[in-house]
Amino acid sequence: MSSLLRFIDRLTERGVRQVAHRHGRRSLLTRLGVLIAGSTLLGWWACTVTADHLGMLDPGNIVWDEVVAFWLVLWLLMPTG
């Protein structure tokens, strides 16, 4: 149970602030940037394979680009506080 509570605490804003304070804000921003970049590449590949299997060039039900764009905006706004 305590590990679950620690996990939930890590997901909260206080948990993010503690990680940023402990590792430095730049380190947290760098890690999130790498995560977003990796997710973009993996999602690009997965969406391409899915679109090929559906036989469409740009299916409307694949919205990975919108998800990554939202993450990118949040990542860019994160240093403002």
Protein backbone atom coordinates (compact mmCIF):
# COMPACT_ATOMS: atom_id res chain seq x y z
CA MET A 1 0.00 0.00 0.00
CA SER A 2 2.80 2.43 0.80
CA SER A 3 4.35 1.92 -2.65
CA LEU A 4 0.99 2.78 -4.23
CA LEU A 5 0.77 5.95 -2.15
CA ARG A 6 4.31 6.92 -3.14
CA PHE A 7 3.43 6.35 -6.79
CA ILE A 8 0.33 8.53 -6.50
CA ASP A 9 2.38 11.20 -4.73
CA ARG A 10 4.84 11.18 -7.61
CA LEU A 11 2.01 11.90 -10.00
CA THR A 12 0.83 14.91 -8.05
CA GLU A 13 2.14 18.40 -8.47
CA ARG A 14 3.96 18.21 -5.14
CA GLY A 15 5.73 15.09 -6.32
CA VAL A 16 6.82 16.83 -9.53
CA ARG A 17 8.09 19.81 -7.55
CA GLN A 18 10.11 17.54 -5.26
CA VAL A 19 11.69 15.78 -8.24
CA ALA A 20 12.46 19.13 -9.86
CA HIS A 21 14.01 20.41 -6.65
CA ARG A 22 16.02 17.25 -6.04
CA HIS A 23 17.34 16.79 -9.58
CA GLY A 24 17.25 20.36 -10.78
CA ARG A 25 14.64 21.88 -13.00
CA ARG A 26 16.76 21.59 -16.13
CA SER A 27 17.20 17.87 -15.57
CA LEU A 28 13.45 17.35 -15.30
CA LEU A 29 12.82 19.41 -18.44
CA THR A 30 15.48 17.45 -20.30
CA ARG A 31 14.02 14.11 -19.24
CA LEU A 32 10.53 15.15 -20.27
CA GLY A 33 11.87 16.47 -23.58
CA VAL A 34 13.55 13.15 -24.29
CA LEU A 35 10.34 11.32 -23.37
CA ILE A 36 8.31 13.52 -25.75
CA ALA A 37 10.85 13.06 -28.56
CA GLY A 38 10.89 9.28 -28.08
CA SER A 39 7.10 9.17 -27.94
CA THR A 40 6.93 11.18 -31.15
CA LEU A 41 9.17 8.75 -33.01
CA LEU A 42 7.46 5.64 -31.63
CA GLY A 43 4.02 7.10 -32.31
CA TRP A 44 5.01 8.13 -35.83
CA TRP A 45 6.07 4.56 -36.58
CA ALA A 46 2.94 3.05 -34.98
CA CYS A 47 0.62 5.43 -36.83
CA THR A 48 2.34 4.72 -40.15
CA VAL A 49 1.94 0.97 -39.69
CA THR A 50 -1.68 1.39 -38.64
CA ALA A 51 -2.48 3.65 -41.59
CA ASP A 52 -0.87 1.11 -43.95
CA HIS A 53 -3.01 -1.68 -42.49
CA LEU A 54 -6.13 0.48 -42.83
CA GLY A 55 -5.18 1.31 -46.41
CA MET A 56 -5.51 5.07 -45.87
CA LEU A 57 -3.01 7.91 -46.08
CA ASP A 58 -4.25 9.98 -43.13
CA PRO A 59 -7.05 8.29 -41.19
CA GLY A 60 -9.05 10.64 -38.98
CA ASN A 61 -9.13 8.17 -36.11
CA ILE A 62 -5.35 8.40 -35.59
CA VAL A 63 -4.79 11.42 -33.35
CA TRP A 64 -1.28 10.81 -32.05
CA ASP A 65 -0.03 14.11 -33.50
CA GLU A 66 -2.59 16.02 -31.41
CA VAL A 67 -1.55 14.18 -28.24
CA VAL A 68 2.13 14.89 -28.79
CA ALA A 69 1.38 18.53 -29.67
CA PHE A 70 -0.47 18.92 -26.36
CA TRP A 71 2.49 17.40 -24.46
CA LEU A 72 4.85 19.70 -26.33
CA VAL A 73 2.87 22.82 -25.40
CA LEU A 74 2.79 21.77 -21.75
CA TRP A 75 6.54 21.04 -21.83
CA LEU A 76 7.27 24.44 -23.34
CA LEU A 77 5.09 26.21 -20.75
CA MET A 78 6.51 24.28 -17.81
CA PRO A 79 9.44 26.68 -17.14
CA THR A 80 6.99 29.56 -16.66
CA GLY A 81 5.85 28.06 -13.40
